Amino acid sequence: MTKKNTRKGRQGVVYSTDPEFNYSIGGDSDPETPPEQMQKLIVRIEKKSRGGKTATLIEGFIGKKDDIESLGKSLKTRCGVGGSVKDGVILIQGEFKEKVYDILKSQGYTVKKSGG
């Protein structure tokens, strides 16, 4: 993990003698969101590290942060429970693996069930 230089917001550039040099930060933009049928999502249940509570995780989403947050909100609303979106993973509180699988499948996503 690289350390960010918060003072100037530059990573790894100290000095350039090129008068035409234009520093631009690359990789900070979200990737474009491919269509639903191109997404390969994995739905699984997790019980560890959650204080004995069960959670449904949806992993493998590729795309913009707004799009994954919108999908997460939609799933939470359809399941009638809380949850969150963090680091590209949608977390739905409770055991909703089958319901989430069916919802995603009906929306055109390529979905796979994993584990438990």
C-alpha atoms as a PDB file:
ATOM      1  CA  MET A   1       0.000   0.000   0.000  1.00  0.00           C
ATOM      2  CA  THR A   2       1.449   3.364  -0.947  1.00  0.00           C
ATOM      3  CA  LYS A   3       1.433   6.238   1.444  1.00  0.00           C
ATOM      4  CA  LYS A   4      -0.472   9.274   0.193  1.00  0.00           C
ATOM      5  CA  ASN A   5       1.193  12.650   0.387  1.00  0.00           C
ATOM      6  CA  THR A   6      -1.787  14.552   1.738  1.00  0.00           C
ATOM      7  CA  ARG A   7       0.023  17.873   1.577  1.00  0.00           C
ATOM      8  CA  LYS A   8       0.119  17.999  -2.196  1.00  0.00           C
ATOM      9  CA  GLY A   9      -2.023  15.011  -3.088  1.00  0.00           C
ATOM     10  CA  ARG A  10       0.766  13.554  -5.209  1.00  0.00           C
ATOM     11  CA  GLN A  11       2.072  10.030  -5.044  1.00  0.00           C
ATOM     12  CA  GLY A  12       5.616   9.238  -6.116  1.00  0.00           C
ATOM     13  CA  VAL A  13       6.446  12.461  -8.015  1.00  0.00           C
ATOM     14  CA  VAL A  14       9.171  14.485  -6.416  1.00  0.00           C
ATOM     15  CA  TYR A  15      10.474  16.657  -9.240  1.00  0.00           C
ATOM     16  CA  SER A  16      10.449  16.760 -13.025  1.00  0.00           C
ATOM     17  CA  THR A  17      12.831  18.687 -15.283  1.00  0.00           C
ATOM     18  CA  ASP A  18      10.446  18.392 -18.235  1.00  0.00           C
ATOM     19  CA  PRO A  19       8.819  21.810 -18.790  1.00  0.00           C
ATOM     20  CA  GLU A  20       5.865  20.095 -20.507  1.00  0.00           C
ATOM     21  CA  PHE A  21       5.260  17.694 -17.605  1.00  0.00           C
ATOM     22  CA  ASN A  22       1.658  17.650 -16.421  1.00  0.00           C
ATOM     23  CA  TYR A  23       1.023  15.599 -13.306  1.00  0.00           C
ATOM     24  CA  SER A  24      -2.298  13.789 -13.321  1.00  0.00           C
ATOM     25  CA  ILE A  25      -3.600  11.338 -10.792  1.00  0.00           C
ATOM     26  CA  GLY A  26      -4.499   8.107 -12.530  1.00  0.00           C
ATOM     27  CA  GLY A  27      -6.637   5.262 -11.272  1.00  0.00           C
ATOM     28  CA  ASP A  28      -8.812   7.367  -8.976  1.00  0.00           C
ATOM     29  CA  SER A  29     -11.866   7.231 -11.221  1.00  0.00           C
ATOM     30  CA  ASP A  30     -14.382   4.411 -10.909  1.00  0.00           C
ATOM     31  CA  PRO A  31     -14.423   1.914 -13.766  1.00  0.00           C
ATOM     32  CA  GLU A  32     -17.397   2.024 -16.106  1.00  0.00           C
ATOM     33  CA  THR A  33     -20.220  -0.289 -15.044  1.00  0.00           C
ATOM     34  CA  PRO A  34     -20.708  -3.108 -17.546  1.00  0.00           C
ATOM     35  CA  PRO A  35     -24.244  -4.338 -18.349  1.00  0.00           C
ATOM     36  CA  GLU A  36     -25.948  -6.698 -15.874  1.00  0.00           C
ATOM     37  CA  GLN A  37     -25.388  -9.836 -17.963  1.00  0.00           C
ATOM     38  CA  MET A  38     -21.625  -9.133 -17.964  1.00  0.00           C
ATOM     39  CA  GLN A  39     -21.467  -8.925 -14.150  1.00  0.00           C
ATOM     40  CA  LYS A  40     -20.492 -12.148 -12.364  1.00  0.00           C
ATOM     41  CA  LEU A  41     -21.764 -11.839  -8.811  1.00  0.00           C
ATOM     42  CA  ILE A  42     -21.266 -14.301  -5.968  1.00  0.00           C
ATOM     43  CA  VAL A  43     -23.888 -14.556  -3.225  1.00  0.00           C
ATOM     44  CA  ARG A  44     -22.839 -16.168   0.051  1.00  0.00           C
ATOM     45  CA  ILE A  45     -23.712 -16.358   3.738  1.00  0.00           C
ATOM     46  CA  GLU A  46     -21.230 -15.334   6.419  1.00  0.00           C
ATOM     47  CA  LYS A  47     -21.570 -15.942  10.146  1.00  0.00           C
ATOM     48  CA  LYS A  48     -18.014 -15.353  11.355  1.00  0.00           C
ATOM     49  CA  SER A  49     -16.851 -12.035  12.818  1.00  0.00           C
ATOM     50  CA  ARG A  50     -20.387 -10.709  13.154  1.00  0.00           C
ATOM     51  CA  GLY A  51     -21.167 -11.376  16.804  1.00  0.00           C
ATOM     52  CA  GLY A  52     -23.143 -14.531  16.005  1.00  0.00           C
ATOM     53  CA  LYS A  53     -25.351 -12.754  13.466  1.00  0.00           C
ATOM     54  CA  THR A  54     -25.794 -13.953   9.903  1.00  0.00           C
ATOM     55  CA  ALA A  55     -25.156 -11.735   6.880  1.00  0.00           C
ATOM     56  CA  THR A  56     -25.629 -12.223   3.142  1.00  0.00           C
ATOM     57  CA  LEU A  57     -22.705 -10.958   1.065  1.00  0.00           C
ATOM     58  CA  ILE A  58     -22.777 -10.090  -2.635  1.00  0.00           C
ATOM     59  CA  GLU A  59     -19.293  -9.906  -4.149  1.00  0.00           C
ATOM     60  CA  GLY A  60     -17.812  -9.399  -7.596  1.00  0.00           C
ATOM     61  CA  PHE A  61     -19.565  -6.183  -8.674  1.00  0.00           C
ATOM     62  CA  ILE A  62     -17.484  -4.121 -11.087  1.00  0.00           C
ATOM     63  CA  GLY A  63     -18.381  -0.526 -11.728  1.00  0.00           C
ATOM     64  CA  LYS A  64     -19.041   2.899 -10.337  1.00  0.00           C
ATOM     65  CA  LYS A  65     -19.546   3.473  -6.632  1.00  0.00           C
ATOM     66  CA  ASP A  66     -22.969   5.052  -7.242  1.00  0.00           C
ATOM     67  CA  ASP A  67     -24.139   1.973  -9.167  1.00  0.00           C
ATOM     68  CA  ILE A  68     -23.137  -0.521  -6.463  1.00  0.00           C
ATOM     69  CA  GLU A  69     -24.706   1.687  -3.781  1.00  0.00           C
ATOM     70  CA  SER A  70     -27.913   1.855  -5.817  1.00  0.00           C
ATOM     71  CA  LEU A  71     -27.971  -1.943  -6.188  1.00  0.00           C
ATOM     72  CA  GLY A  72     -27.286  -2.343  -2.462  1.00  0.00           C
ATOM     73  CA  LYS A  73     -30.124   0.013  -1.559  1.00  0.00           C
ATOM     74  CA  SER A  74     -32.476  -1.822  -3.896  1.00  0.00           C
ATOM     75  CA  LEU A  75     -31.605  -5.211  -2.360  1.00  0.00           C
ATOM     76  CA  LYS A  76     -31.978  -3.901   1.200  1.00  0.00           C
ATOM     77  CA  THR A  77     -35.393  -2.445   0.341  1.00  0.00           C
ATOM     78  CA  ARG A  78     -36.595  -5.645  -1.392  1.00  0.00           C
ATOM     79  CA  CYS A  79     -35.462  -7.772   1.577  1.00  0.00           C
ATOM     80  CA  GLY A  80     -36.809  -5.289   4.135  1.00  0.00           C
ATOM     81  CA  VAL A  81     -33.607  -5.221   6.186  1.00  0.00           C
ATOM     82  CA  GLY A  82     -30.514  -3.102   6.726  1.00  0.00           C
ATOM     83  CA  GLY A  83     -27.067  -3.509   5.327  1.00  0.00           C
ATOM     84  CA  SER A  84     -24.140  -1.660   3.836  1.00  0.00           C
ATOM     85  CA  VAL A  85     -21.846  -1.331   0.845  1.00  0.00           C
ATOM     86  CA  LYS A  86     -18.125  -1.312   1.552  1.00  0.00           C
ATOM     87  CA  ASP A  87     -15.045  -2.093  -0.552  1.00  0.00           C
ATOM     88  CA  GLY A  88     -17.106  -3.414  -3.464  1.00  0.00           C
ATOM     89  CA  VAL A  89     -19.097  -5.838  -1.277  1.00  0.00           C
ATOM     90  CA  ILE A  90     -22.808  -5.512  -0.569  1.00  0.00           C
ATOM     91  CA  LEU A  91     -23.783  -6.738   2.907  1.00  0.00           C
ATOM     92  CA  ILE A  92     -27.421  -7.582   3.665  1.00  0.00           C
ATOM     93  CA  GLN A  93     -28.281  -8.267   7.302  1.00  0.00           C
ATOM     94  CA  GLY A  94     -29.789 -11.719   7.775  1.00  0.00           C
ATOM     95  CA  GLU A  95     -29.959 -14.914   5.765  1.00  0.00           C
ATOM     96  CA  PHE A  96     -31.396 -13.920   2.387  1.00  0.00           C
ATOM     97  CA  LYS A  97     -29.205 -15.922   0.012  1.00  0.00           C
ATOM     98  CA  GLU A  98     -32.080 -17.445  -1.984  1.00  0.00           C
ATOM     99  CA  LYS A  99     -34.092 -14.226  -2.153  1.00  0.00           C
ATOM    100  CA  VAL A 100     -31.084 -12.117  -3.204  1.00  0.00           C
ATOM    101  CA  TYR A 101     -30.124 -14.758  -5.776  1.00  0.00           C
ATOM    102  CA  ASP A 102     -33.632 -14.680  -7.276  1.00  0.00           C
ATOM    103  CA  ILE A 103     -33.742 -10.843  -7.323  1.00  0.00           C
ATOM    104  CA  LEU A 104     -30.357 -10.541  -9.026  1.00  0.00           C
ATOM    105  CA  LYS A 105     -31.192 -13.291 -11.519  1.00  0.00           C
ATOM    106  CA  SER A 106     -34.472 -11.552 -12.433  1.00  0.00           C
ATOM    107  CA  GLN A 107     -32.555  -8.294 -13.025  1.00  0.00           C
ATOM    108  CA  GLY A 108     -30.303 -10.055 -15.551  1.00  0.00           C
ATOM    109  CA  TYR A 109     -27.141 -10.531 -13.494  1.00  0.00           C
ATOM    110  CA  THR A 110     -24.977 -13.651 -13.813  1.00  0.00           C
ATOM    111  CA  VAL A 111     -25.157 -15.008 -10.259  1.00  0.00           C
ATOM    112  CA  LYS A 112     -23.472 -17.880  -8.458  1.00  0.00           C
ATOM    113  CA  LYS A 113     -24.204 -19.207  -4.964  1.00  0.00           C
ATOM    114  CA  SER A 114     -21.207 -19.979  -2.815  1.00  0.00           C
ATOM    115  CA  GLY A 115     -20.799 -21.907   0.462  1.00  0.00           C
ATOM    116  CA  GLY A 116     -23.187 -22.259   3.445  1.00  0.00           C
END
